[in-house]
Amino acid sequence: MIDPQHPLLRPLPMRLLVVAVPLAGAAYAFATGWVFPGAGLTLLSGWVFRRLFLP
């Protein structure tokens, strides 16, 4: 699980990077026609965003 209080995830740039990497992978997957991996990476990025940025 993702612990938002972990010292590595405290800085905002690190949190943004953790969310942006799977989102960029999803964009690449959709651009190349891979729908299911793109959807999975989009869901993963949304879940990580929710854990890190929303209370």
N, C-alpha and C. Protein backbone atom coordinates (compact mmCIF):
# COMPACT_ATOMS: atom_id res chain seq x y z
N MET A 1 0.83 -1.18 0.00
CA MET A 1 0.00 0.00 0.00
C MET A 1 0.88 1.24 0.00
N ILE A 2 0.28 2.34 -0.32
CA ILE A 2 1.00 3.60 -0.35
C ILE A 2 0.74 4.36 0.94
N ASP A 3 1.82 4.71 1.62
CA ASP A 3 1.72 5.48 2.85
C ASP A 3 2.03 6.94 2.54
N PRO A 4 1.04 7.84 2.56
CA PRO A 4 1.31 9.23 2.23
C PRO A 4 2.23 9.93 3.23
N GLN A 5 2.40 9.37 4.41
CA GLN A 5 3.25 9.98 5.42
C GLN A 5 4.70 9.49 5.35
N HIS A 6 5.02 8.61 4.41
CA HIS A 6 6.39 8.12 4.27
C HIS A 6 7.31 9.28 3.90
N PRO A 7 8.51 9.34 4.48
CA PRO A 7 9.40 10.48 4.19
C PRO A 7 9.74 10.65 2.71
N LEU A 8 9.79 9.58 1.95
CA LEU A 8 10.09 9.68 0.53
C LEU A 8 8.96 10.35 -0.24
N LEU A 9 7.72 10.16 0.21
CA LEU A 9 6.56 10.70 -0.49
C LEU A 9 6.07 12.03 0.07
N ARG A 10 6.81 12.63 0.99
CA ARG A 10 6.38 13.91 1.56
C ARG A 10 6.52 15.08 0.59
N PRO A 11 7.62 15.20 -0.18
CA PRO A 11 7.75 16.35 -1.09
C PRO A 11 6.75 16.27 -2.24
N LEU A 12 6.20 17.41 -2.60
CA LEU A 12 5.22 17.47 -3.67
C LEU A 12 5.76 16.99 -5.01
N PRO A 13 7.00 17.34 -5.41
CA PRO A 13 7.49 16.85 -6.71
C PRO A 13 7.55 15.33 -6.78
N MET A 14 7.88 14.67 -5.68
CA MET A 14 7.94 13.21 -5.69
C MET A 14 6.53 12.63 -5.84
N ARG A 15 5.56 13.23 -5.17
CA ARG A 15 4.18 12.76 -5.30
C ARG A 15 3.68 12.92 -6.74
N LEU A 16 4.00 14.07 -7.33
CA LEU A 16 3.59 14.30 -8.72
C LEU A 16 4.26 13.31 -9.66
N LEU A 17 5.51 12.99 -9.41
CA LEU A 17 6.22 12.03 -10.24
C LEU A 17 5.61 10.64 -10.13
N VAL A 18 5.26 10.25 -8.91
CA VAL A 18 4.66 8.93 -8.69
C VAL A 18 3.32 8.80 -9.40
N VAL A 19 2.58 9.90 -9.50
CA VAL A 19 1.30 9.89 -10.20
C VAL A 19 1.50 10.00 -11.72
N ALA A 20 2.49 10.78 -12.14
CA ALA A 20 2.66 11.07 -13.57
C ALA A 20 3.25 9.91 -14.35
N VAL A 21 4.07 9.08 -13.74
CA VAL A 21 4.70 7.99 -14.48
C VAL A 21 3.67 6.99 -15.03
N PRO A 22 2.76 6.44 -14.21
CA PRO A 22 1.77 5.54 -14.81
C PRO A 22 0.81 6.25 -15.76
N LEU A 23 0.55 7.53 -15.51
CA LEU A 23 -0.32 8.28 -16.41
C LEU A 23 0.35 8.47 -17.77
N ALA A 24 1.64 8.73 -17.79
CA ALA A 24 2.38 8.84 -19.05
C ALA A 24 2.44 7.49 -19.76
N GLY A 25 2.59 6.43 -18.99
CA GLY A 25 2.56 5.09 -19.59
C GLY A 25 1.20 4.78 -20.19
N ALA A 26 0.14 5.22 -19.55
CA ALA A 26 -1.20 5.02 -20.09
C ALA A 26 -1.39 5.81 -21.38
N ALA A 27 -0.89 7.03 -21.42
CA ALA A 27 -1.00 7.84 -22.63
C ALA A 27 -0.25 7.18 -23.78
N TYR A 28 0.92 6.64 -23.50
CA TYR A 28 1.69 5.94 -24.54
C TYR A 28 0.95 4.67 -25.01
N ALA A 29 0.37 3.94 -24.05
CA ALA A 29 -0.35 2.72 -24.41
C ALA A 29 -1.56 3.04 -25.28
N PHE A 30 -2.30 4.07 -24.93
CA PHE A 30 -3.44 4.46 -25.75
C PHE A 30 -3.00 4.95 -27.12
N ALA A 31 -1.89 5.66 -27.19
CA ALA A 31 -1.42 6.20 -28.46
C ALA A 31 -0.97 5.09 -29.41
N THR A 32 -0.50 3.98 -28.86
CA THR A 32 -0.05 2.88 -29.70
C THR A 32 -1.14 1.83 -29.93
N GLY A 33 -2.32 2.06 -29.37
CA GLY A 33 -3.44 1.17 -29.63
C GLY A 33 -3.65 0.08 -28.60
N TRP A 34 -2.92 0.09 -27.53
CA TRP A 34 -3.08 -0.92 -26.48
C TRP A 34 -4.10 -0.41 -25.46
N VAL A 35 -5.34 -0.80 -25.65
CA VAL A 35 -6.43 -0.23 -24.85
C VAL A 35 -6.45 -0.77 -23.43
N PHE A 36 -6.35 -2.08 -23.25
CA PHE A 36 -6.47 -2.65 -21.91
C PHE A 36 -5.31 -2.28 -20.99
N PRO A 37 -4.06 -2.33 -21.44
CA PRO A 37 -2.99 -1.84 -20.56
C PRO A 37 -3.13 -0.35 -20.26
N GLY A 38 -3.57 0.42 -21.24
CA GLY A 38 -3.79 1.85 -21.00
C GLY A 38 -4.86 2.09 -19.96
N ALA A 39 -5.93 1.31 -20.03
CA ALA A 39 -7.00 1.45 -19.04
C ALA A 39 -6.50 1.05 -17.65
N GLY A 40 -5.73 -0.01 -17.59
CA GLY A 40 -5.18 -0.44 -16.30
C GLY A 40 -4.25 0.59 -15.69
N LEU A 41 -3.38 1.17 -16.51
CA LEU A 41 -2.48 2.19 -16.00
C LEU A 41 -3.22 3.46 -15.61
N THR A 42 -4.29 3.78 -16.32
CA THR A 42 -5.10 4.93 -15.95
C THR A 42 -5.77 4.70 -14.59
N LEU A 43 -6.30 3.51 -14.39
CA LEU A 43 -6.90 3.19 -13.09
C LEU A 43 -5.85 3.23 -11.98
N LEU A 44 -4.68 2.70 -12.25
CA LEU A 44 -3.61 2.72 -11.25
C LEU A 44 -3.22 4.15 -10.91
N SER A 45 -3.08 4.99 -11.90
CA SER A 45 -2.72 6.38 -11.66
C SER A 45 -3.80 7.10 -10.86
N GLY A 46 -5.06 6.84 -11.16
CA GLY A 46 -6.15 7.45 -10.41
C GLY A 46 -6.17 7.00 -8.96
N TRP A 47 -5.89 5.71 -8.74
CA TRP A 47 -5.86 5.19 -7.38
C TRP A 47 -4.72 5.82 -6.58
N VAL A 48 -3.56 5.94 -7.21
CA VAL A 48 -2.42 6.54 -6.54
C VAL A 48 -2.69 8.02 -6.25
N PHE A 49 -3.29 8.71 -7.20
CA PHE A 49 -3.65 10.12 -6.98
C PHE A 49 -4.59 10.25 -5.79
N ARG A 50 -5.57 9.38 -5.72
CA ARG A 50 -6.54 9.43 -4.62
C ARG A 50 -5.85 9.18 -3.28
N ARG A 51 -4.92 8.22 -3.24
CA ARG A 51 -4.22 7.90 -1.98
C ARG A 51 -3.29 9.02 -1.55
N LEU A 52 -2.68 9.72 -2.51
CA LEU A 52 -1.67 10.72 -2.15
C LEU A 52 -2.22 12.13 -1.97
N PHE A 53 -3.28 12.48 -2.69
CA PHE A 53 -3.71 13.87 -2.69
C PHE A 53 -5.08 14.11 -2.07
N LEU A 54 -5.91 13.13 -1.97
CA LEU A 54 -7.24 13.34 -1.39
C LEU A 54 -7.30 12.74 0.00
N PRO A 55 -7.96 13.40 0.93
CA PRO A 55 -8.00 12.88 2.31
C PRO A 55 -8.81 11.62 2.46
